[in-house]
């Protein structure tokens, strides 16, 4: 994904396991119709997870690993992937691909994050997903071309499923937990994995630099974004065929695509390289709204069908987007270098 200039991403980050209160941003006054909760942010360059309360609670930060990219929540446990490279295309000498996750228990904010070792061989963990019952955590091991399945309660690795593709970067799980769908950046494919039999069901060609992925709430459709060609594809999960594709006009750097979580009728797509977010019809793939946000919008979390939160990496802010109106509702300070983000309800 896009990053700051090379001198910035070459910062050496001391990855600790000490939780500490920060002079973190406090959210601006929250309108009453927004969801109640907080945002967990992978603060990439400083090697931290930053917590921003949406109801003006004091912020908090936790030291994690080197160059964390993504976060996901299972209840009040936030997991961060310590990727260790500036971005998927990076060849910088400061890259040190990681081999750990960090687990933060928000119910015990004074406790240090737990480190989860991901086993022998360079993993470079990146994409994260949690099963609907919140019992399983899924992690892409980009360096080993596989997906790890981890028990949330024990933090133990249960097994791995190979993708046999380079750059396995992001993933989603089916609502029943039977499948994982994984984007593979370099070949431009989506791998379909049977998580029960540990088999590859399909390798679906999608487009150059396939990176983002989302799943409809009912599991019927997968949406993948290809950052080099700024295209969204729609895949029918019953046939594993591409049933729609569209280039996002006036969009540079379509890194992520996230459907609304209840009705699934709308996609939120970022245009990282020209500071925009698109609101897209999930069936027709037509753009409804093209919204100017901050500089280098990367992380997206969509807690309900009304609002989306988008992390602007170069501005150190989060744009709160009213989906139906296609407008920025307010802007929240996000701490340093925000990348992946996730909403955690109260």
C-alpha atoms as a PDB file:
ATOM      1  CA  UNK A   1       0.000   0.000   0.000  1.00  0.00           C
ATOM      2  CA  UNK A   2       1.091   3.623  -0.346  1.00  0.00           C
ATOM      3  CA  UNK A   3       3.319   5.007   2.387  1.00  0.00           C
ATOM      4  CA  UNK A   4       5.113   8.092   3.493  1.00  0.00           C
ATOM      5  CA  UNK A   5       8.407   9.120   1.883  1.00  0.00           C
ATOM      6  CA  UNK A   6      11.352   6.710   2.273  1.00  0.00           C
ATOM      7  CA  UNK A   7      13.079   8.772   4.952  1.00  0.00           C
ATOM      8  CA  UNK A   8       9.957   8.568   7.094  1.00  0.00           C
ATOM      9  CA  UNK A   9       9.310   4.850   6.731  1.00  0.00           C
ATOM     10  CA  UNK A  10      12.958   4.123   7.534  1.00  0.00           C
ATOM     11  CA  UNK A  11      12.464   5.165  11.147  1.00  0.00           C
ATOM     12  CA  UNK A  12      13.627   2.517  13.558  1.00  0.00           C
ATOM     13  CA  UNK A  13      10.784   1.666  15.914  1.00  0.00           C
ATOM     14  CA  UNK A  14      11.372   0.190  19.328  1.00  0.00           C
ATOM     15  CA  UNK A  15       8.705  -2.492  19.615  1.00  0.00           C
ATOM     16  CA  UNK A  16       7.786  -2.905  23.248  1.00  0.00           C
ATOM     17  CA  UNK A  17       5.193  -4.711  25.218  1.00  0.00           C
ATOM     18  CA  UNK A  18       4.325  -1.897  27.580  1.00  0.00           C
ATOM     19  CA  UNK A  19       0.940  -0.276  27.603  1.00  0.00           C
ATOM     20  CA  UNK A  20       0.924   3.402  28.431  1.00  0.00           C
ATOM     21  CA  UNK A  21      -1.318   6.420  28.472  1.00  0.00           C
ATOM     22  CA  UNK A  22      -0.567   8.911  25.694  1.00  0.00           C
ATOM     23  CA  UNK A  23      -1.156  12.511  24.924  1.00  0.00           C
ATOM     24  CA  UNK A  24      -3.476  10.971  22.393  1.00  0.00           C
ATOM     25  CA  UNK A  25      -6.170  12.764  20.472  1.00  0.00           C
ATOM     26  CA  UNK A  26      -9.630  12.946  21.946  1.00  0.00           C
ATOM     27  CA  UNK A  27     -12.486  12.653  19.473  1.00  0.00           C
ATOM     28  CA  UNK A  28     -14.369  15.810  18.617  1.00  0.00           C
ATOM     29  CA  UNK A  29     -17.924  15.993  19.868  1.00  0.00           C
ATOM     30  CA  UNK A  30     -19.866  13.006  18.555  1.00  0.00           C
ATOM     31  CA  UNK A  31     -23.307  13.525  17.013  1.00  0.00           C
ATOM     32  CA  UNK A  32     -25.925  11.413  18.806  1.00  0.00           C
ATOM     33  CA  UNK A  33     -26.741   9.227  15.795  1.00  0.00           C
ATOM     34  CA  UNK A  34     -23.215   7.851  15.373  1.00  0.00           C
ATOM     35  CA  UNK A  35     -22.466   4.402  16.847  1.00  0.00           C
ATOM     36  CA  UNK A  36     -21.122   4.234  20.399  1.00  0.00           C
ATOM     37  CA  UNK A  37     -17.644   2.810  20.730  1.00  0.00           C
ATOM     38  CA  UNK A  38     -14.012   3.416  19.939  1.00  0.00           C
ATOM     39  CA  UNK A  39     -11.572   3.093  17.065  1.00  0.00           C
ATOM     40  CA  UNK A  40      -8.425   0.959  17.309  1.00  0.00           C
ATOM     41  CA  UNK A  41      -5.714   2.113  14.911  1.00  0.00           C
ATOM     42  CA  UNK A  42      -2.512   0.490  13.684  1.00  0.00           C
ATOM     43  CA  UNK A  43      -0.074   3.394  14.057  1.00  0.00           C
ATOM     44  CA  UNK A  44       2.500   2.080  11.658  1.00  0.00           C
ATOM     45  CA  UNK A  45       5.744   4.057  11.987  1.00  0.00           C
ATOM     46  CA  UNK A  46       5.763   4.326  15.806  1.00  0.00           C
ATOM     47  CA  UNK A  47       4.873   0.647  16.199  1.00  0.00           C
ATOM     48  CA  UNK A  48       1.776   1.182  18.280  1.00  0.00           C
ATOM     49  CA  UNK A  49      -1.926   0.526  18.468  1.00  0.00           C
ATOM     50  CA  UNK A  50      -3.744   3.770  19.217  1.00  0.00           C
ATOM     51  CA  UNK A  51      -7.193   3.789  20.814  1.00  0.00           C
ATOM     52  CA  UNK A  52      -9.479   6.764  20.139  1.00  0.00           C
ATOM     53  CA  UNK A  53     -12.740   6.986  22.064  1.00  0.00           C
ATOM     54  CA  UNK A  54     -15.604   8.374  20.011  1.00  0.00           C
ATOM     55  CA  UNK A  55     -17.402   9.769  23.061  1.00  0.00           C
ATOM     56  CA  UNK A  56     -14.504  12.058  24.065  1.00  0.00           C
ATOM     57  CA  UNK A  57     -12.780   9.430  26.203  1.00  0.00           C
ATOM     58  CA  UNK A  58      -9.057   9.961  26.678  1.00  0.00           C
ATOM     59  CA  UNK A  59      -6.967   8.181  24.061  1.00  0.00           C
ATOM     60  CA  UNK A  60      -4.553   5.398  24.850  1.00  0.00           C
ATOM     61  CA  UNK A  61      -1.651   3.686  23.139  1.00  0.00           C
ATOM     62  CA  UNK A  62       0.032   0.303  23.285  1.00  0.00           C
ATOM     63  CA  UNK A  63       3.489  -0.574  22.022  1.00  0.00           C
ATOM     64  CA  UNK A  64       3.361  -3.521  19.629  1.00  0.00           C
ATOM     65  CA  UNK A  65       5.745  -4.823  16.947  1.00  0.00           C
ATOM     66  CA  UNK A  66       7.644  -3.260  14.081  1.00  0.00           C
ATOM     67  CA  UNK A  67       5.511  -1.586  11.400  1.00  0.00           C
ATOM     68  CA  UNK A  68       2.059  -2.957  12.312  1.00  0.00           C
ATOM     69  CA  UNK A  69      -0.404  -2.671   9.427  1.00  0.00           C
ATOM     70  CA  UNK A  70      -3.786  -4.160  10.310  1.00  0.00           C
ATOM     71  CA  UNK A  71      -6.051  -4.507  13.345  1.00  0.00           C
ATOM     72  CA  UNK A  72      -9.153  -6.591  14.001  1.00  0.00           C
ATOM     73  CA  UNK A  73     -11.341  -7.095  17.073  1.00  0.00           C
ATOM     74  CA  UNK A  74     -12.827 -10.199  18.678  1.00  0.00           C
ATOM     75  CA  UNK A  75     -15.044  -8.720  21.368  1.00  0.00           C
ATOM     76  CA  UNK A  76     -12.763  -6.524  23.486  1.00  0.00           C
ATOM     77  CA  UNK A  77      -9.562  -8.156  22.256  1.00  0.00           C
ATOM     78  CA  UNK A  78      -7.757  -6.231  19.516  1.00  0.00           C
ATOM     79  CA  UNK A  79      -5.214  -8.096  17.388  1.00  0.00           C
ATOM     80  CA  UNK A  80      -2.507  -6.293  15.401  1.00  0.00           C
ATOM     81  CA  UNK A  81      -0.378  -7.776  12.618  1.00  0.00           C
ATOM     82  CA  UNK A  82       3.294  -6.815  12.959  1.00  0.00           C
ATOM     83  CA  UNK A  83       4.054  -6.872   9.258  1.00  0.00           C
ATOM     84  CA  UNK A  84       7.561  -5.418   9.390  1.00  0.00           C
ATOM     85  CA  UNK A  85       7.680  -3.888   5.896  1.00  0.00           C
ATOM     86  CA  UNK A  86       6.699  -0.444   4.719  1.00  0.00           C
ATOM     87  CA  UNK A  87       4.149  -1.829   2.239  1.00  0.00           C
ATOM     88  CA  UNK A  88       3.554  -4.797  -0.038  1.00  0.00           C
ATOM     89  CA  UNK A  89       5.606  -3.320  -2.891  1.00  0.00           C
ATOM     90  CA  UNK A  90       8.425  -2.024  -0.701  1.00  0.00           C
ATOM     91  CA  UNK A  91      12.069  -2.981  -1.253  1.00  0.00           C
ATOM     92  CA  UNK A  92      13.472  -0.645   1.408  1.00  0.00           C
ATOM     93  CA  UNK A  93      16.502  -1.826   3.351  1.00  0.00           C
ATOM     94  CA  UNK A  94      14.732  -1.049   6.627  1.00  0.00           C
ATOM     95  CA  UNK A  95      12.148  -3.762   6.000  1.00  0.00           C
ATOM     96  CA  UNK A  96      12.287  -6.541   8.596  1.00  0.00           C
ATOM     97  CA  UNK A  97       9.304  -8.816   7.889  1.00  0.00           C
ATOM     98  CA  UNK A  98       7.682  -9.797  11.168  1.00  0.00           C
ATOM     99  CA  UNK A  99       6.643 -13.070  12.688  1.00  0.00           C
ATOM    100  CA  UNK A 100       4.241 -12.012  15.446  1.00  0.00           C
ATOM    101  CA  UNK A 101       0.824 -10.683  16.274  1.00  0.00           C
ATOM    102  CA  UNK A 102       0.005  -8.521  19.287  1.00  0.00           C
ATOM    103  CA  UNK A 103      -3.170  -9.057  21.338  1.00  0.00           C
ATOM    104  CA  UNK A 104      -4.548  -6.185  23.423  1.00  0.00           C
ATOM    105  CA  UNK A 105      -7.244  -6.758  26.031  1.00  0.00           C
ATOM    106  CA  UNK A 106      -9.254  -3.537  26.208  1.00  0.00           C
ATOM    107  CA  UNK A 107     -11.015  -4.823  29.336  1.00  0.00           C
ATOM    108  CA  UNK A 108      -7.596  -4.709  31.052  1.00  0.00           C
ATOM    109  CA  UNK A 109      -6.099  -1.466  29.747  1.00  0.00           C
ATOM    110  CA  UNK A 110      -3.204  -1.471  32.222  1.00  0.00           C
ATOM    111  CA  UNK A 111      -1.956  -4.853  31.026  1.00  0.00           C
ATOM    112  CA  UNK A 112       0.787  -5.230  28.431  1.00  0.00           C
ATOM    113  CA  UNK A 113      -0.089  -6.561  24.964  1.00  0.00           C
ATOM    114  CA  UNK A 114       0.438 -10.286  24.513  1.00  0.00           C
ATOM    115  CA  UNK A 115       2.816 -11.414  21.761  1.00  0.00           C
ATOM    116  CA  UNK A 116       1.752 -14.349  19.592  1.00  0.00           C
ATOM    117  CA  UNK A 117       4.592 -16.129  17.815  1.00  0.00           C
ATOM    118  CA  UNK A 118       3.630 -17.379  14.358  1.00  0.00           C
ATOM    119  CA  UNK A 119       6.056 -20.253  14.087  1.00  0.00           C
ATOM    120  CA  UNK A 120       9.131 -21.136  12.101  1.00  0.00           C
ATOM    121  CA  UNK A 121       9.879 -19.347   8.850  1.00  0.00           C
ATOM    122  CA  UNK A 122       9.277 -15.729   7.868  1.00  0.00           C
ATOM    123  CA  UNK A 123       5.546 -15.066   8.033  1.00  0.00           C
ATOM    124  CA  UNK A 124       5.117 -11.323   7.310  1.00  0.00           C
ATOM    125  CA  UNK A 125       1.608 -11.322   8.824  1.00  0.00           C
ATOM    126  CA  UNK A 126      -0.712  -8.800   7.245  1.00  0.00           C
ATOM    127  CA  UNK A 127      -4.420  -9.404   6.657  1.00  0.00           C
ATOM    128  CA  UNK A 128      -6.651 -10.258   9.628  1.00  0.00           C
ATOM    129  CA  UNK A 129     -10.207 -11.538   9.934  1.00  0.00           C
ATOM    130  CA  UNK A 130     -12.323 -12.963  12.744  1.00  0.00           C
ATOM    131  CA  UNK A 131     -15.036 -15.596  12.396  1.00  0.00           C
ATOM    132  CA  UNK A 132     -18.595 -14.471  13.022  1.00  0.00           C
ATOM    133  CA  UNK A 133     -18.715 -16.418  16.307  1.00  0.00           C
ATOM    134  CA  UNK A 134     -15.412 -14.710  17.260  1.00  0.00           C
ATOM    135  CA  UNK A 135     -13.750 -18.033  18.092  1.00  0.00           C
ATOM    136  CA  UNK A 136     -11.261 -18.086  15.206  1.00  0.00           C
ATOM    137  CA  UNK A 137      -8.708 -15.579  13.973  1.00  0.00           C
ATOM    138  CA  UNK A 138      -7.415 -15.800  10.395  1.00  0.00           C
ATOM    139  CA  UNK A 139      -4.058 -14.290   9.390  1.00  0.00           C
ATOM    140  CA  UNK A 140      -2.305 -14.043   6.030  1.00  0.00           C
ATOM    141  CA  UNK A 141       1.321 -15.172   6.152  1.00  0.00           C
ATOM    142  CA  UNK A 142       2.540 -13.332   3.086  1.00  0.00           C
ATOM    143  CA  UNK A 143       6.063 -14.695   3.393  1.00  0.00           C
ATOM    144  CA  UNK A 144       4.912 -18.325   3.571  1.00  0.00           C
ATOM    145  CA  UNK A 145       2.044 -18.099   1.045  1.00  0.00           C
ATOM    146  CA  UNK A 146      -0.521 -19.349   3.561  1.00  0.00           C
ATOM    147  CA  UNK A 147      -3.313 -18.477   5.961  1.00  0.00           C
ATOM    148  CA  UNK A 148      -3.038 -19.324   9.643  1.00  0.00           C
ATOM    149  CA  UNK A 149      -6.091 -20.310  11.689  1.00  0.00           C
ATOM    150  CA  UNK A 150      -5.720 -19.320  15.353  1.00  0.00           C
ATOM    151  CA  UNK A 151      -7.914 -20.075  18.352  1.00  0.00           C
ATOM    152  CA  UNK A 152      -8.923 -16.698  19.808  1.00  0.00           C
ATOM    153  CA  UNK A 153      -9.236 -17.879  23.411  1.00  0.00           C
ATOM    154  CA  UNK A 154      -5.942 -19.775  23.682  1.00  0.00           C
ATOM    155  CA  UNK A 155      -4.019 -17.773  21.026  1.00  0.00           C
ATOM    156  CA  UNK A 156      -2.758 -21.111  19.656  1.00  0.00           C
ATOM    157  CA  UNK A 157      -2.223 -21.839  15.952  1.00  0.00           C
ATOM    158  CA  UNK A 158      -4.619 -24.609  14.927  1.00  0.00           C
ATOM    159  CA  UNK A 159      -3.402 -25.127  11.366  1.00  0.00           C
ATOM    160  CA  UNK A 160      -2.291 -23.451   8.160  1.00  0.00           C
ATOM    161  CA  UNK A 161      -3.873 -23.504   4.706  1.00  0.00           C
ATOM    162  CA  UNK A 162      -1.646 -22.820   1.691  1.00  0.00           C
ATOM    163  CA  UNK A 163      -2.595 -20.258  -0.954  1.00  0.00           C
ATOM    164  CA  UNK A 164       0.280 -21.157  -3.311  1.00  0.00           C
ATOM    165  CA  UNK A 165       0.276 -17.527  -4.444  1.00  0.00           C
ATOM    166  CA  UNK A 166       2.718 -14.663  -3.917  1.00  0.00           C
ATOM    167  CA  UNK A 167       1.685 -11.645  -1.891  1.00  0.00           C
ATOM    168  CA  UNK A 168      -1.285 -13.146  -0.011  1.00  0.00           C
ATOM    169  CA  UNK A 169      -2.201  -9.831   1.551  1.00  0.00           C
ATOM    170  CA  UNK A 170      -5.801  -9.415   2.785  1.00  0.00           C
ATOM    171  CA  UNK A 171      -8.646 -11.812   3.510  1.00  0.00           C
ATOM    172  CA  UNK A 172     -12.244 -12.252   4.599  1.00  0.00           C
ATOM    173  CA  UNK A 173     -14.037 -15.294   5.993  1.00  0.00           C
ATOM    174  CA  UNK A 174     -17.457 -16.600   4.951  1.00  0.00           C
ATOM    175  CA  UNK A 175     -20.267 -16.115   7.488  1.00  0.00           C
ATOM    176  CA  UNK A 176     -20.341 -19.856   8.251  1.00  0.00           C
ATOM    177  CA  UNK A 177     -16.579 -19.995   8.752  1.00  0.00           C
ATOM    178  CA  UNK A 178     -16.144 -22.652   6.060  1.00  0.00           C
ATOM    179  CA  UNK A 179     -14.150 -20.559   3.598  1.00  0.00           C
ATOM    180  CA  UNK A 180     -11.521 -17.861   3.426  1.00  0.00           C
ATOM    181  CA  UNK A 181     -11.104 -15.573   0.435  1.00  0.00           C
ATOM    182  CA  UNK A 182      -7.577 -14.161   0.063  1.00  0.00           C
ATOM    183  CA  UNK A 183      -6.208 -11.453  -2.226  1.00  0.00           C
ATOM    184  CA  UNK A 184      -2.836 -12.200  -3.825  1.00  0.00           C
ATOM    185  CA  UNK A 185      -1.130  -8.993  -4.835  1.00  0.00           C
ATOM    186  CA  UNK A 186       1.505 -10.129  -7.316  1.00  0.00           C
ATOM    187  CA  UNK A 187      -0.445 -12.572  -9.536  1.00  0.00           C
ATOM    188  CA  UNK A 188      -3.650 -10.515  -9.219  1.00  0.00           C
ATOM    189  CA  UNK A 189      -5.882 -13.316  -7.949  1.00  0.00           C
ATOM    190  CA  UNK A 190      -8.264 -14.292  -5.170  1.00  0.00           C
ATOM    191  CA  UNK A 191      -7.659 -17.675  -3.547  1.00  0.00           C
ATOM    192  CA  UNK A 192     -10.715 -19.536  -2.275  1.00  0.00           C
ATOM    193  CA  UNK A 193      -9.768 -21.796   0.640  1.00  0.00           C
ATOM    194  CA  UNK A 194     -11.808 -24.543   2.269  1.00  0.00           C
ATOM    195  CA  UNK A 195     -10.962 -24.084   5.940  1.00  0.00           C
ATOM    196  CA  UNK A 196     -12.322 -27.490   6.929  1.00  0.00           C
ATOM    197  CA  UNK A 197     -10.525 -29.665   4.386  1.00  0.00           C
ATOM    198  CA  UNK A 198      -7.551 -27.267   4.098  1.00  0.00           C
ATOM    199  CA  UNK A 199      -7.803 -27.297   0.305  1.00  0.00           C
ATOM    200  CA  UNK A 200      -7.656 -24.625  -2.376  1.00  0.00           C
ATOM    201  CA  UNK A 201     -11.018 -24.519  -4.152  1.00  0.00           C
ATOM    202  CA  UNK A 202     -10.137 -21.923  -6.777  1.00  0.00           C
ATOM    203  CA  UNK A 203      -7.671 -19.268  -7.914  1.00  0.00           C
ATOM    204  CA  UNK A 204      -9.788 -16.500  -9.459  1.00  0.00           C
ATOM    205  CA  UNK A 205      -8.048 -13.963 -11.753  1.00  0.00           C
ATOM    206  CA  UNK A 206      -9.091 -10.479 -10.676  1.00  0.00           C
ATOM    207  CA  UNK A 207      -6.645  -7.789 -11.744  1.00  0.00           C
ATOM    208  CA  UNK A 208      -3.176  -6.298 -11.424  1.00  0.00           C
ATOM    209  CA  UNK A 209      -2.242  -5.585  -7.819  1.00  0.00           C
ATOM    210  CA  UNK A 210      -5.311  -7.133  -6.193  1.00  0.00           C
ATOM    211  CA  UNK A 211      -5.227  -5.950  -2.591  1.00  0.00           C
ATOM    212  CA  UNK A 212      -8.550  -5.110  -0.918  1.00  0.00           C
ATOM    213  CA  UNK A 213     -11.376  -7.565  -0.309  1.00  0.00           C
ATOM    214  CA  UNK A 214     -14.841  -7.470   1.209  1.00  0.00           C
ATOM    215  CA  UNK A 215     -17.736  -9.891   1.593  1.00  0.00           C
ATOM    216  CA  UNK A 216     -21.465  -9.235   1.528  1.00  0.00           C
ATOM    217  CA  UNK A 217     -23.255  -9.846   4.845  1.00  0.00           C
ATOM    218  CA  UNK A 218     -24.987 -12.955   3.478  1.00  0.00           C
ATOM    219  CA  UNK A 219     -21.765 -14.297   1.969  1.00  0.00           C
ATOM    220  CA  UNK A 220     -23.166 -14.387  -1.580  1.00  0.00           C
ATOM    221  CA  UNK A 221     -20.649 -11.988  -3.110  1.00  0.00           C
ATOM    222  CA  UNK A 222     -16.987 -11.116  -2.781  1.00  0.00           C
ATOM    223  CA  UNK A 223     -15.616  -7.750  -3.855  1.00  0.00           C
ATOM    224  CA  UNK A 224     -11.921  -7.263  -4.647  1.00  0.00           C
ATOM    225  CA  UNK A 225     -10.022  -4.081  -5.486  1.00  0.00           C
ATOM    226  CA  UNK A 226      -6.974  -3.904  -7.747  1.00  0.00           C
ATOM    227  CA  UNK A 227      -4.758  -0.988  -6.844  1.00  0.00           C
ATOM    228  CA  UNK A 228      -2.801  -0.752 -10.119  1.00  0.00           C
ATOM    229  CA  UNK A 229      -5.883  -0.506 -12.333  1.00  0.00           C
ATOM    230  CA  UNK A 230      -8.364   0.959  -9.794  1.00  0.00           C
ATOM    231  CA  UNK A 231     -10.943  -1.694 -10.589  1.00  0.00           C
ATOM    232  CA  UNK A 232     -13.532  -3.411  -8.413  1.00  0.00           C
ATOM    233  CA  UNK A 233     -14.654  -6.938  -9.276  1.00  0.00           C
ATOM    234  CA  UNK A 234     -17.745  -8.734  -7.987  1.00  0.00           C
ATOM    235  CA  UNK A 235     -17.517 -12.511  -7.524  1.00  0.00           C
ATOM    236  CA  UNK A 236     -20.448 -14.881  -7.053  1.00  0.00           C
ATOM    237  CA  UNK A 237     -19.425 -17.251  -4.260  1.00  0.00           C
ATOM    238  CA  UNK A 238     -21.763 -20.022  -5.473  1.00  0.00           C
ATOM    239  CA  UNK A 239     -20.095 -20.265  -8.897  1.00  0.00           C
ATOM    240  CA  UNK A 240     -16.723 -18.649  -8.037  1.00  0.00           C
ATOM    241  CA  UNK A 241     -17.050 -16.601 -11.213  1.00  0.00           C
ATOM    242  CA  UNK A 242     -16.541 -12.881 -11.719  1.00  0.00           C
ATOM    243  CA  UNK A 243     -20.013 -11.450 -12.408  1.00  0.00           C
ATOM    244  CA  UNK A 244     -19.155  -7.767 -12.564  1.00  0.00           C
ATOM    245  CA  UNK A 245     -16.235  -5.401 -12.843  1.00  0.00           C
ATOM    246  CA  UNK A 246     -15.844  -1.663 -13.111  1.00  0.00           C
ATOM    247  CA  UNK A 247     -12.996   0.831 -13.160  1.00  0.00           C
ATOM    248  CA  UNK A 248     -13.467   3.479 -10.485  1.00  0.00           C
ATOM    249  CA  UNK A 249     -13.333   6.803 -12.315  1.00  0.00           C
ATOM    250  CA  UNK A 250     -11.322   9.653 -10.764  1.00  0.00           C
ATOM    251  CA  UNK A 251      -9.837   7.182  -8.293  1.00  0.00           C
ATOM    252  CA  UNK A 252      -6.116   6.496  -7.878  1.00  0.00           C
ATOM    253  CA  UNK A 253      -5.024   3.747  -5.514  1.00  0.00           C
ATOM    254  CA  UNK A 254      -8.140   1.658  -4.817  1.00  0.00           C
ATOM    255  CA  UNK A 255      -6.615  -0.220  -1.889  1.00  0.00           C
ATOM    256  CA  UNK A 256      -9.731  -1.319   0.024  1.00  0.00           C
ATOM    257  CA  UNK A 257     -13.360  -2.182  -0.573  1.00  0.00           C
ATOM    258  CA  UNK A 258     -15.748  -2.623   2.372  1.00  0.00           C
ATOM    259  CA  UNK A 259     -19.477  -3.448   2.066  1.00  0.00           C
ATOM    260  CA  UNK A 260     -22.045  -2.087   4.484  1.00  0.00           C
ATOM    261  CA  UNK A 261     -22.493  -4.754   7.165  1.00  0.00           C
ATOM    262  CA  UNK A 262     -26.280  -5.124   7.354  1.00  0.00           C
ATOM    263  CA  UNK A 263     -27.918  -4.495   3.973  1.00  0.00           C
ATOM    264  CA  UNK A 264     -24.754  -5.011   1.881  1.00  0.00           C
ATOM    265  CA  UNK A 265     -26.037  -2.642  -0.784  1.00  0.00           C
ATOM    266  CA  UNK A 266     -23.164  -0.192  -0.631  1.00  0.00           C
ATOM    267  CA  UNK A 267     -19.377  -0.422  -0.945  1.00  0.00           C
ATOM    268  CA  UNK A 268     -16.926   2.015   0.602  1.00  0.00           C
ATOM    269  CA  UNK A 269     -13.783   2.285  -1.544  1.00  0.00           C
ATOM    270  CA  UNK A 270     -10.710   4.395  -0.849  1.00  0.00           C
ATOM    271  CA  UNK A 271      -8.675   6.229  -3.456  1.00  0.00           C
ATOM    272  CA  UNK A 272      -5.448   6.441  -1.509  1.00  0.00           C
ATOM    273  CA  UNK A 273      -3.358   8.365  -4.000  1.00  0.00           C
ATOM    274  CA  UNK A 274      -5.769  11.205  -4.711  1.00  0.00           C
ATOM    275  CA  UNK A 275      -7.432  11.646  -1.314  1.00  0.00           C
ATOM    276  CA  UNK A 276     -10.939  10.451  -2.047  1.00  0.00           C
ATOM    277  CA  UNK A 277     -13.475   7.919  -0.842  1.00  0.00           C
ATOM    278  CA  UNK A 278     -16.127   6.473  -3.144  1.00  0.00           C
ATOM    279  CA  UNK A 279     -19.603   5.316  -2.173  1.00  0.00           C
ATOM    280  CA  UNK A 280     -20.453   2.606  -4.702  1.00  0.00           C
ATOM    281  CA  UNK A 281     -23.591   0.612  -5.491  1.00  0.00           C
ATOM    282  CA  UNK A 282     -22.733  -2.997  -4.649  1.00  0.00           C
ATOM    283  CA  UNK A 283     -24.854  -4.493  -7.444  1.00  0.00           C
ATOM    284  CA  UNK A 284     -24.111  -2.196 -10.363  1.00  0.00           C
ATOM    285  CA  UNK A 285     -20.661  -1.023  -9.198  1.00  0.00           C
ATOM    286  CA  UNK A 286     -21.651   2.516 -10.115  1.00  0.00           C
ATOM    287  CA  UNK A 287     -20.275   5.372  -8.044  1.00  0.00           C
ATOM    288  CA  UNK A 288     -22.939   7.227  -6.080  1.00  0.00           C
ATOM    289  CA  UNK A 289     -20.668   9.715  -4.296  1.00  0.00           C
ATOM    290  CA  UNK A 290     -17.064  10.827  -4.725  1.00  0.00           C
ATOM    291  CA  UNK A 291     -15.907  12.413  -1.456  1.00  0.00           C
ATOM    292  CA  UNK A 292     -12.774  14.453  -0.810  1.00  0.00           C
ATOM    293  CA  UNK A 293     -11.145  13.391   2.470  1.00  0.00           C
ATOM    294  CA  UNK A 294      -7.616  13.770   3.876  1.00  0.00           C
ATOM    295  CA  UNK A 295      -4.227  12.880   2.447  1.00  0.00           C
ATOM    296  CA  UNK A 296      -3.555   9.179   1.767  1.00  0.00           C
ATOM    297  CA  UNK A 297      -6.769   7.562   3.019  1.00  0.00           C
ATOM    298  CA  UNK A 298      -5.961   3.917   3.812  1.00  0.00           C
ATOM    299  CA  UNK A 299      -7.809   2.175   6.652  1.00  0.00           C
ATOM    300  CA  UNK A 300     -11.604   1.791   6.517  1.00  0.00           C
ATOM    301  CA  UNK A 301     -14.026   0.486   9.097  1.00  0.00           C
ATOM    302  CA  UNK A 302     -17.801   0.429   8.544  1.00  0.00           C
ATOM    303  CA  UNK A 303     -19.624  -0.373  11.800  1.00  0.00           C
ATOM    304  CA  UNK A 304     -23.140   0.094  10.405  1.00  0.00           C
ATOM    305  CA  UNK A 305     -24.929   1.020   7.206  1.00  0.00           C
ATOM    306  CA  UNK A 306     -24.888   4.756   7.990  1.00  0.00           C
ATOM    307  CA  UNK A 307     -21.294   5.636   8.830  1.00  0.00           C
ATOM    308  CA  UNK A 308     -17.777   4.823   7.679  1.00  0.00           C
ATOM    309  CA  UNK A 309     -14.507   5.800   9.346  1.00  0.00           C
ATOM    310  CA  UNK A 310     -11.471   6.343   7.099  1.00  0.00           C
ATOM    311  CA  UNK A 311      -7.879   6.822   8.307  1.00  0.00           C
ATOM    312  CA  UNK A 312      -5.904   9.509   6.464  1.00  0.00           C
ATOM    313  CA  UNK A 313      -2.279   8.440   6.899  1.00  0.00           C
ATOM    314  CA  UNK A 314      -0.506  11.660   5.942  1.00  0.00           C
ATOM    315  CA  UNK A 315      -2.915  13.908   7.859  1.00  0.00           C
ATOM    316  CA  UNK A 316      -3.015  11.765  11.020  1.00  0.00           C
ATOM    317  CA  UNK A 317      -6.803  12.043  10.999  1.00  0.00           C
ATOM    318  CA  UNK A 318      -9.963   9.973  10.592  1.00  0.00           C
ATOM    319  CA  UNK A 319     -12.771  11.187   8.348  1.00  0.00           C
ATOM    320  CA  UNK A 320     -16.252  10.247   9.569  1.00  0.00           C
ATOM    321  CA  UNK A 321     -18.395   9.734   6.474  1.00  0.00           C
ATOM    322  CA  UNK A 322     -22.178   9.862   6.312  1.00  0.00           C
ATOM    323  CA  UNK A 323     -22.756   7.122   3.729  1.00  0.00           C
ATOM    324  CA  UNK A 324     -26.258   8.083   2.585  1.00  0.00           C
ATOM    325  CA  UNK A 325     -25.376  11.765   2.185  1.00  0.00           C
ATOM    326  CA  UNK A 326     -21.970  11.079   0.707  1.00  0.00           C
ATOM    327  CA  UNK A 327     -20.302  13.683   2.888  1.00  0.00           C
ATOM    328  CA  UNK A 328     -17.703  14.025   5.624  1.00  0.00           C
ATOM    329  CA  UNK A 329     -19.561  14.484   8.912  1.00  0.00           C
ATOM    330  CA  UNK A 330     -16.532  15.404  11.040  1.00  0.00           C
ATOM    331  CA  UNK A 331     -12.793  14.816  11.360  1.00  0.00           C
ATOM    332  CA  UNK A 332     -11.078  13.103  14.304  1.00  0.00           C
ATOM    333  CA  UNK A 333      -7.422  13.327  15.309  1.00  0.00           C
ATOM    334  CA  UNK A 334      -5.933   9.829  14.979  1.00  0.00           C
ATOM    335  CA  UNK A 335      -2.363   9.913  16.259  1.00  0.00           C
ATOM    336  CA  UNK A 336       0.741   9.242  14.208  1.00  0.00           C
ATOM    337  CA  UNK A 337       0.711   7.375  10.870  1.00  0.00           C
ATOM    338  CA  UNK A 338      -2.702   5.628  10.988  1.00  0.00           C
ATOM    339  CA  UNK A 339      -3.038   2.579   8.743  1.00  0.00           C
ATOM    340  CA  UNK A 340      -5.588  -0.197   9.388  1.00  0.00           C
ATOM    341  CA  UNK A 341      -8.446   0.629  11.748  1.00  0.00           C
ATOM    342  CA  UNK A 342     -11.347  -1.193  13.365  1.00  0.00           C
ATOM    343  CA  UNK A 343     -14.463  -0.076  15.255  1.00  0.00           C
ATOM    344  CA  UNK A 344     -15.038  -1.663  18.661  1.00  0.00           C
ATOM    345  CA  UNK A 345     -18.501  -1.212  20.159  1.00  0.00           C
ATOM    346  CA  UNK A 346     -19.025  -0.295  23.811  1.00  0.00           C
END
